[in-house]
Amino acid sequence: MLKADGFDDAIMGVCRICGNHDRLVYDYDACLKILMDRDGMTWEEAEDYLEFNVLGAYVGEQTPAFIHMLTMEEVEEIYGKDS
């Protein structure tokens, strides 16, 4: 499994999907907090950095996954009630 450098404290576990390689899973919001605390970024700067430099870097089948925790209400609001 591949790791996202500097985000060990945000690891949630491992994602297992039939027919795919296991992947490390990171808490998206914890990654933002790391960038803000460690690098002094604002929330907006941290989100831009994380989206472009980390989530935007596909490095093969074992690229880590990032979870953005949502309530069911938030899922329905964003994606619709049929999600």
PDB file of N, CA and C in Angstrom:
ATOM      1  N   MET A   1       0.849  -1.187   0.000  1.00  0.00           N
ATOM      2  CA  MET A   1       0.000   0.000   0.000  1.00  0.00           C
ATOM      3  C   MET A   1       0.883   1.235   0.000  1.00  0.00           C
ATOM      4  N   LEU A   2       0.423   2.255  -0.670  1.00  0.00           N
ATOM      5  CA  LEU A   2       1.155   3.515  -0.716  1.00  0.00           C
ATOM      6  C   LEU A   2       0.626   4.463   0.353  1.00  0.00           C
ATOM      7  N   LYS A   3       1.530   5.300   0.873  1.00  0.00           N
ATOM      8  CA  LYS A   3       1.168   6.266   1.901  1.00  0.00           C
ATOM      9  C   LYS A   3       1.224   7.672   1.326  1.00  0.00           C
ATOM     10  N   ALA A   4       0.402   8.546   1.875  1.00  0.00           N
ATOM     11  CA  ALA A   4       0.474   9.974   1.577  1.00  0.00           C
ATOM     12  C   ALA A   4       1.437  10.575   2.599  1.00  0.00           C
ATOM     13  N   ASP A   5       2.577  11.064   2.139  1.00  0.00           N
ATOM     14  CA  ASP A   5       3.613  11.576   3.033  1.00  0.00           C
ATOM     15  C   ASP A   5       3.094  12.687   3.940  1.00  0.00           C
ATOM     16  N   GLY A   6       3.396  12.551   5.219  1.00  0.00           N
ATOM     17  CA  GLY A   6       3.082  13.591   6.188  1.00  0.00           C
ATOM     18  C   GLY A   6       1.699  13.510   6.801  1.00  0.00           C
ATOM     19  N   PHE A   7       0.937  12.484   6.463  1.00  0.00           N
ATOM     20  CA  PHE A   7      -0.435  12.401   6.949  1.00  0.00           C
ATOM     21  C   PHE A   7      -0.711  11.136   7.770  1.00  0.00           C
ATOM     22  N   ASP A   8       0.312  10.564   8.370  1.00  0.00           N
ATOM     23  CA  ASP A   8       0.143   9.324   9.149  1.00  0.00           C
ATOM     24  C   ASP A   8      -0.917   9.449  10.239  1.00  0.00           C
ATOM     25  N   ASP A   9      -0.992  10.620  10.876  1.00  0.00           N
ATOM     26  CA  ASP A   9      -1.961  10.800  11.967  1.00  0.00           C
ATOM     27  C   ASP A   9      -3.407  10.831  11.475  1.00  0.00           C
ATOM     28  N   ALA A  10      -3.610  10.895  10.158  1.00  0.00           N
ATOM     29  CA  ALA A  10      -4.958  10.934   9.595  1.00  0.00           C
ATOM     30  C   ALA A  10      -5.395   9.578   9.039  1.00  0.00           C
ATOM     31  N   ILE A  11      -4.561   8.545   9.191  1.00  0.00           N
ATOM     32  CA  ILE A  11      -4.927   7.223   8.679  1.00  0.00           C
ATOM     33  C   ILE A  11      -6.095   6.664   9.483  1.00  0.00           C
ATOM     34  N   MET A  12      -7.123   6.216   8.759  1.00  0.00           N
ATOM     35  CA  MET A  12      -8.307   5.624   9.386  1.00  0.00           C
ATOM     36  C   MET A  12      -8.252   4.107   9.357  1.00  0.00           C
ATOM     37  N   GLY A  13      -7.619   3.554   8.340  1.00  0.00           N
ATOM     38  CA  GLY A  13      -7.578   2.111   8.202  1.00  0.00           C
ATOM     39  C   GLY A  13      -7.282   1.709   6.774  1.00  0.00           C
ATOM     40  N   VAL A  14      -7.836   0.566   6.382  1.00  0.00           N
ATOM     41  CA  VAL A  14      -7.588  -0.001   5.064  1.00  0.00           C
ATOM     42  C   VAL A  14      -8.927  -0.216   4.368  1.00  0.00           C
ATOM     43  N   CYS A  15      -8.977   0.110   3.097  1.00  0.00           N
ATOM     44  CA  CYS A  15     -10.156  -0.119   2.269  1.00  0.00           C
ATOM     45  C   CYS A  15      -9.938  -1.405   1.481  1.00  0.00           C
ATOM     46  N   ARG A  16     -10.905  -2.326   1.572  1.00  0.00           N
ATOM     47  CA  ARG A  16     -10.807  -3.596   0.856  1.00  0.00           C
ATOM     48  C   ARG A  16     -12.019  -3.710  -0.067  1.00  0.00           C
ATOM     49  N   ILE A  17     -11.748  -3.856  -1.360  1.00  0.00           N
ATOM     50  CA  ILE A  17     -12.800  -4.023  -2.354  1.00  0.00           C
ATOM     51  C   ILE A  17     -12.445  -5.238  -3.196  1.00  0.00           C
ATOM     52  N   CYS A  18     -13.377  -6.132  -3.365  1.00  0.00           N
ATOM     53  CA  CYS A  18     -13.162  -7.351  -4.125  1.00  0.00           C
ATOM     54  C   CYS A  18     -12.557  -7.038  -5.493  1.00  0.00           C
ATOM     55  N   GLY A  19     -11.472  -7.716  -5.819  1.00  0.00           N
ATOM     56  CA  GLY A  19     -10.839  -7.550  -7.114  1.00  0.00           C
ATOM     57  C   GLY A  19      -9.890  -6.372  -7.222  1.00  0.00           C
ATOM     58  N   ASN A  20      -9.708  -5.633  -6.141  1.00  0.00           N
ATOM     59  CA  ASN A  20      -8.819  -4.471  -6.138  1.00  0.00           C
ATOM     60  C   ASN A  20      -7.765  -4.616  -5.046  1.00  0.00           C
ATOM     61  N   HIS A  21      -6.695  -3.857  -5.182  1.00  0.00           N
ATOM     62  CA  HIS A  21      -5.663  -3.828  -4.152  1.00  0.00           C
ATOM     63  C   HIS A  21      -6.207  -3.120  -2.913  1.00  0.00           C
ATOM     64  N   ASP A  22      -5.761  -3.566  -1.737  1.00  0.00           N
ATOM     65  CA  ASP A  22      -6.072  -2.839  -0.512  1.00  0.00           C
ATOM     66  C   ASP A  22      -5.451  -1.454  -0.607  1.00  0.00           C
ATOM     67  N   ARG A  23      -6.120  -0.475  -0.004  1.00  0.00           N
ATOM     68  CA  ARG A  23      -5.623   0.903  -0.003  1.00  0.00           C
ATOM     69  C   ARG A  23      -5.706   1.480   1.405  1.00  0.00           C
ATOM     70  N   LEU A  24      -4.737   2.291   1.758  1.00  0.00           N
ATOM     71  CA  LEU A  24      -4.845   3.042   3.000  1.00  0.00           C
ATOM     72  C   LEU A  24      -5.945   4.073   2.832  1.00  0.00           C
ATOM     73  N   VAL A  25      -6.670   4.321   3.909  1.00  0.00           N
ATOM     74  CA  VAL A  25      -7.747   5.304   3.899  1.00  0.00           C
ATOM     75  C   VAL A  25      -7.412   6.390   4.904  1.00  0.00           C
ATOM     76  N   TYR A  26      -7.558   7.640   4.467  1.00  0.00           N
ATOM     77  CA  TYR A  26      -7.267   8.804   5.294  1.00  0.00           C
ATOM     78  C   TYR A  26      -8.539   9.591   5.555  1.00  0.00           C
ATOM     79  N   ASP A  27      -8.595  10.225   6.718  1.00  0.00           N
ATOM     80  CA  ASP A  27      -9.673  11.146   7.064  1.00  0.00           C
ATOM     81  C   ASP A  27      -9.353  12.487   6.409  1.00  0.00           C
ATOM     82  N   TYR A  28     -10.165  12.878   5.445  1.00  0.00           N
ATOM     83  CA  TYR A  28      -9.960  14.116   4.684  1.00  0.00           C
ATOM     84  C   TYR A  28      -9.837  15.326   5.605  1.00  0.00           C
ATOM     85  N   ASP A  29     -10.766  15.451   6.558  1.00  0.00           N
ATOM     86  CA  ASP A  29     -10.756  16.605   7.460  1.00  0.00           C
ATOM     87  C   ASP A  29      -9.530  16.609   8.369  1.00  0.00           C
ATOM     88  N   ALA A  30      -9.072  15.428   8.790  1.00  0.00           N
ATOM     89  CA  ALA A  30      -7.861  15.347   9.604  1.00  0.00           C
ATOM     90  C   ALA A  30      -6.644  15.784   8.787  1.00  0.00           C
ATOM     91  N   CYS A  31      -6.635  15.472   7.499  1.00  0.00           N
ATOM     92  CA  CYS A  31      -5.547  15.930   6.624  1.00  0.00           C
ATOM     93  C   CYS A  31      -5.539  17.451   6.532  1.00  0.00           C
ATOM     94  N   LEU A  32      -6.726  18.049   6.411  1.00  0.00           N
ATOM     95  CA  LEU A  32      -6.806  19.512   6.387  1.00  0.00           C
ATOM     96  C   LEU A  32      -6.249  20.096   7.675  1.00  0.00           C
ATOM     97  N   LYS A  33      -6.628  19.503   8.800  1.00  0.00           N
ATOM     98  CA  LYS A  33      -6.146  19.995  10.102  1.00  0.00           C
ATOM     99  C   LYS A  33      -4.629  19.891  10.205  1.00  0.00           C
ATOM    100  N   ILE A  34      -4.061  18.804   9.707  1.00  0.00           N
ATOM    101  CA  ILE A  34      -2.601  18.659   9.710  1.00  0.00           C
ATOM    102  C   ILE A  34      -1.957  19.791   8.925  1.00  0.00           C
ATOM    103  N   LEU A  35      -2.469  20.081   7.750  1.00  0.00           N
ATOM    104  CA  LEU A  35      -1.903  21.155   6.928  1.00  0.00           C
ATOM    105  C   LEU A  35      -2.036  22.515   7.613  1.00  0.00           C
ATOM    106  N   MET A  36      -3.161  22.741   8.269  1.00  0.00           N
ATOM    107  CA  MET A  36      -3.354  24.020   8.961  1.00  0.00           C
ATOM    108  C   MET A  36      -2.429  24.138  10.172  1.00  0.00           C
ATOM    109  N   ASP A  37      -2.340  23.071  10.971  1.00  0.00           N
ATOM    110  CA  ASP A  37      -1.512  23.111  12.178  1.00  0.00           C
ATOM    111  C   ASP A  37      -0.024  23.080  11.859  1.00  0.00           C
ATOM    112  N   ARG A  38       0.373  22.180  10.988  1.00  0.00           N
ATOM    113  CA  ARG A  38       1.789  21.977  10.688  1.00  0.00           C
ATOM    114  C   ARG A  38       2.361  23.070   9.799  1.00  0.00           C
ATOM    115  N   ASP A  39       1.582  23.476   8.793  1.00  0.00           N
ATOM    116  CA  ASP A  39       2.105  24.393   7.788  1.00  0.00           C
ATOM    117  C   ASP A  39       1.528  25.797   7.876  1.00  0.00           C
ATOM    118  N   GLY A  40       0.644  26.026   8.835  1.00  0.00           N
ATOM    119  CA  GLY A  40       0.086  27.359   9.035  1.00  0.00           C
ATOM    120  C   GLY A  40      -0.851  27.811   7.925  1.00  0.00           C
ATOM    121  N   MET A  41      -1.446  26.866   7.220  1.00  0.00           N
ATOM    122  CA  MET A  41      -2.359  27.218   6.128  1.00  0.00           C
ATOM    123  C   MET A  41      -3.728  27.575   6.685  1.00  0.00           C
ATOM    124  N   THR A  42      -4.449  28.405   5.934  1.00  0.00           N
ATOM    125  CA  THR A  42      -5.859  28.627   6.241  1.00  0.00           C
ATOM    126  C   THR A  42      -6.623  27.396   5.766  1.00  0.00           C
ATOM    127  N   TRP A  43      -7.912  27.298   6.141  1.00  0.00           N
ATOM    128  CA  TRP A  43      -8.720  26.176   5.690  1.00  0.00           C
ATOM    129  C   TRP A  43      -8.758  26.127   4.164  1.00  0.00           C
ATOM    130  N   GLU A  44      -8.942  27.301   3.531  1.00  0.00           N
ATOM    131  CA  GLU A  44      -9.028  27.359   2.079  1.00  0.00           C
ATOM    132  C   GLU A  44      -7.710  26.934   1.425  1.00  0.00           C
ATOM    133  N   GLU A  45      -6.583  27.395   1.968  1.00  0.00           N
ATOM    134  CA  GLU A  45      -5.272  27.014   1.428  1.00  0.00           C
ATOM    135  C   GLU A  45      -5.037  25.518   1.585  1.00  0.00           C
ATOM    136  N   ALA A  46      -5.408  24.989   2.747  1.00  0.00           N
ATOM    137  CA  ALA A  46      -5.226  23.559   2.998  1.00  0.00           C
ATOM    138  C   ALA A  46      -6.083  22.735   2.046  1.00  0.00           C
ATOM    139  N   GLU A  47      -7.317  23.151   1.828  1.00  0.00           N
ATOM    140  CA  GLU A  47      -8.193  22.419   0.923  1.00  0.00           C
ATOM    141  C   GLU A  47      -7.649  22.462  -0.513  1.00  0.00           C
ATOM    142  N   ASP A  48      -7.213  23.623  -0.963  1.00  0.00           N
ATOM    143  CA  ASP A  48      -6.631  23.739  -2.306  1.00  0.00           C
ATOM    144  C   ASP A  48      -5.407  22.840  -2.444  1.00  0.00           C
ATOM    145  N   TYR A  49      -4.531  22.883  -1.449  1.00  0.00           N
ATOM    146  CA  TYR A  49      -3.315  22.069  -1.482  1.00  0.00           C
ATOM    147  C   TYR A  49      -3.653  20.582  -1.506  1.00  0.00           C
ATOM    148  N   LEU A  50      -4.541  20.160  -0.607  1.00  0.00           N
ATOM    149  CA  LEU A  50      -4.900  18.750  -0.511  1.00  0.00           C
ATOM    150  C   LEU A  50      -5.542  18.258  -1.809  1.00  0.00           C
ATOM    151  N   GLU A  51      -6.468  19.027  -2.349  1.00  0.00           N
ATOM    152  CA  GLU A  51      -7.154  18.629  -3.578  1.00  0.00           C
ATOM    153  C   GLU A  51      -6.190  18.514  -4.759  1.00  0.00           C
ATOM    154  N   PHE A  52      -5.324  19.499  -4.938  1.00  0.00           N
ATOM    155  CA  PHE A  52      -4.452  19.519  -6.112  1.00  0.00           C
ATOM    156  C   PHE A  52      -3.240  18.611  -5.957  1.00  0.00           C
ATOM    157  N   ASN A  53      -2.536  18.718  -4.837  1.00  0.00           N
ATOM    158  CA  ASN A  53      -1.256  18.029  -4.673  1.00  0.00           C
ATOM    159  C   ASN A  53      -1.347  16.612  -4.117  1.00  0.00           C
ATOM    160  N   VAL A  54      -2.413  16.301  -3.423  1.00  0.00           N
ATOM    161  CA  VAL A  54      -2.521  14.976  -2.810  1.00  0.00           C
ATOM    162  C   VAL A  54      -3.602  14.148  -3.516  1.00  0.00           C
ATOM    163  N   LEU A  55      -4.845  14.597  -3.470  1.00  0.00           N
ATOM    164  CA  LEU A  55      -5.912  13.850  -4.125  1.00  0.00           C
ATOM    165  C   LEU A  55      -5.749  13.833  -5.641  1.00  0.00           C
ATOM    166  N   GLY A  56      -5.141  14.857  -6.191  1.00  0.00           N
ATOM    167  CA  GLY A  56      -4.946  14.942  -7.633  1.00  0.00           C
ATOM    168  C   GLY A  56      -3.761  14.145  -8.143  1.00  0.00           C
ATOM    169  N   ALA A  57      -3.062  13.444  -7.260  1.00  0.00           N
ATOM    170  CA  ALA A  57      -1.866  12.687  -7.651  1.00  0.00           C
ATOM    171  C   ALA A  57      -2.188  11.201  -7.672  1.00  0.00           C
ATOM    172  N   TYR A  58      -2.639  10.704  -8.808  1.00  0.00           N
ATOM    173  CA  TYR A  58      -2.881   9.272  -8.957  1.00  0.00           C
ATOM    174  C   TYR A  58      -1.533   8.588  -9.166  1.00  0.00           C
ATOM    175  N   VAL A  59      -1.239   7.615  -8.317  1.00  0.00           N
ATOM    176  CA  VAL A  59       0.060   6.936  -8.408  1.00  0.00           C
ATOM    177  C   VAL A  59      -0.119   5.423  -8.573  1.00  0.00           C
ATOM    178  N   GLY A  60      -1.193   5.030  -9.219  1.00  0.00           N
ATOM    179  CA  GLY A  60      -1.414   3.623  -9.488  1.00  0.00           C
ATOM    180  C   GLY A  60      -2.536   3.024  -8.668  1.00  0.00           C
ATOM    181  N   GLU A  61      -2.665   1.709  -8.810  1.00  0.00           N
ATOM    182  CA  GLU A  61      -3.786   0.995  -8.207  1.00  0.00           C
ATOM    183  C   GLU A  61      -3.817   1.055  -6.685  1.00  0.00           C
ATOM    184  N   GLN A  62      -2.708   1.379  -6.064  1.00  0.00           N
ATOM    185  CA  GLN A  62      -2.669   1.443  -4.602  1.00  0.00           C
ATOM    186  C   GLN A  62      -2.681   2.883  -4.085  1.00  0.00           C
ATOM    187  N   THR A  63      -3.119   3.817  -4.933  1.00  0.00           N
ATOM    188  CA  THR A  63      -3.261   5.208  -4.506  1.00  0.00           C
ATOM    189  C   THR A  63      -4.185   5.257  -3.294  1.00  0.00           C
ATOM    190  N   PRO A  64      -3.785   5.962  -2.225  1.00  0.00           N
ATOM    191  CA  PRO A  64      -4.625   6.033  -1.029  1.00  0.00           C
ATOM    192  C   PRO A  64      -5.994   6.639  -1.326  1.00  0.00           C
ATOM    193  N   ALA A  65      -6.960   6.319  -0.468  1.00  0.00           N
ATOM    194  CA  ALA A  65      -8.301   6.885  -0.542  1.00  0.00           C
ATOM    195  C   ALA A  65      -8.483   7.880   0.600  1.00  0.00           C
ATOM    196  N   PHE A  66      -9.336   8.866   0.374  1.00  0.00           N
ATOM    197  CA  PHE A  66      -9.597   9.903   1.366  1.00  0.00           C
ATOM    198  C   PHE A  66     -11.093   9.980   1.609  1.00  0.00           C
ATOM    199  N   ILE A  67     -11.486   9.890   2.876  1.00  0.00           N
ATOM    200  CA  ILE A  67     -12.892   9.874   3.265  1.00  0.00           C
ATOM    201  C   ILE A  67     -13.287  11.239   3.815  1.00  0.00           C
ATOM    202  N   HIS A  68     -14.349  11.781   3.259  1.00  0.00           N
ATOM    203  CA  HIS A  68     -14.941  12.999   3.804  1.00  0.00           C
ATOM    204  C   HIS A  68     -16.208  12.561   4.526  1.00  0.00           C
ATOM    205  N   MET A  69     -16.176  12.609   5.837  1.00  0.00           N
ATOM    206  CA  MET A  69     -17.277  12.115   6.659  1.00  0.00           C
ATOM    207  C   MET A  69     -18.509  13.011   6.488  1.00  0.00           C
ATOM    208  N   LEU A  70     -19.660  12.379   6.210  1.00  0.00           N
ATOM    209  CA  LEU A  70     -20.921  13.089   6.042  1.00  0.00           C
ATOM    210  C   LEU A  70     -22.017  12.364   6.803  1.00  0.00           C
ATOM    211  N   THR A  71     -22.982  13.119   7.260  1.00  0.00           N
ATOM    212  CA  THR A  71     -24.184  12.507   7.815  1.00  0.00           C
ATOM    213  C   THR A  71     -25.086  12.107   6.646  1.00  0.00           C
ATOM    214  N   MET A  72     -26.082  11.276   6.893  1.00  0.00           N
ATOM    215  CA  MET A  72     -27.017  10.891   5.840  1.00  0.00           C
ATOM    216  C   MET A  72     -27.739  12.118   5.292  1.00  0.00           C
ATOM    217  N   GLU A  73     -28.050  13.056   6.153  1.00  0.00           N
ATOM    218  CA  GLU A  73     -28.713  14.283   5.713  1.00  0.00           C
ATOM    219  C   GLU A  73     -27.825  15.064   4.748  1.00  0.00           C
ATOM    220  N   GLU A  74     -26.531  15.126   5.044  1.00  0.00           N
ATOM    221  CA  GLU A  74     -25.605  15.821   4.148  1.00  0.00           C
ATOM    222  C   GLU A  74     -25.476  15.104   2.805  1.00  0.00           C
ATOM    223  N   VAL A  75     -25.443  13.781   2.835  1.00  0.00           N
ATOM    224  CA  VAL A  75     -25.380  13.002   1.592  1.00  0.00           C
ATOM    225  C   VAL A  75     -26.606  13.303   0.738  1.00  0.00           C
ATOM    226  N   GLU A  76     -27.780  13.274   1.340  1.00  0.00           N
ATOM    227  CA  GLU A  76     -29.011  13.546   0.597  1.00  0.00           C
ATOM    228  C   GLU A  76     -29.052  14.969   0.068  1.00  0.00           C
ATOM    229  N   GLU A  77     -28.554  15.918   0.852  1.00  0.00           N
ATOM    230  CA  GLU A  77     -28.532  17.315   0.418  1.00  0.00           C
ATOM    231  C   GLU A  77     -27.603  17.500  -0.768  1.00  0.00           C
ATOM    232  N   ILE A  78     -26.454  16.856  -0.742  1.00  0.00           N
ATOM    233  CA  ILE A  78     -25.462  17.024  -1.804  1.00  0.00           C
ATOM    234  C   ILE A  78     -25.801  16.182  -3.033  1.00  0.00           C
ATOM    235  N   TYR A  79     -26.175  14.926  -2.813  1.00  0.00           N
ATOM    236  CA  TYR A  79     -26.321  13.976  -3.919  1.00  0.00           C
ATOM    237  C   TYR A  79     -27.760  13.595  -4.246  1.00  0.00           C
ATOM    238  N   GLY A  80     -28.705  14.027  -3.426  1.00  0.00           N
ATOM    239  CA  GLY A  80     -30.096  13.692  -3.665  1.00  0.00           C
ATOM    240  C   GLY A  80     -30.535  12.525  -2.794  1.00  0.00           C
ATOM    241  N   LYS A  81     -31.807  12.383  -2.639  1.00  0.00           N
ATOM    242  CA  LYS A  81     -32.366  11.361  -1.740  1.00  0.00           C
ATOM    243  C   LYS A  81     -32.209   9.947  -2.263  1.00  0.00           C
ATOM    244  N   ASP A  82     -31.946   9.765  -3.540  1.00  0.00           N
ATOM    245  CA  ASP A  82     -31.798   8.421  -4.111  1.00  0.00           C
ATOM    246  C   ASP A  82     -30.389   7.866  -3.974  1.00  0.00           C
ATOM    247  N   SER A  83     -29.500   8.590  -3.298  1.00  0.00           N
ATOM    248  CA  SER A  83     -28.107   8.146  -3.158  1.00  0.00           C
ATOM    249  C   SER A  83     -27.974   7.028  -2.158  1.00  0.00           C
TER     250      SER A  83
END
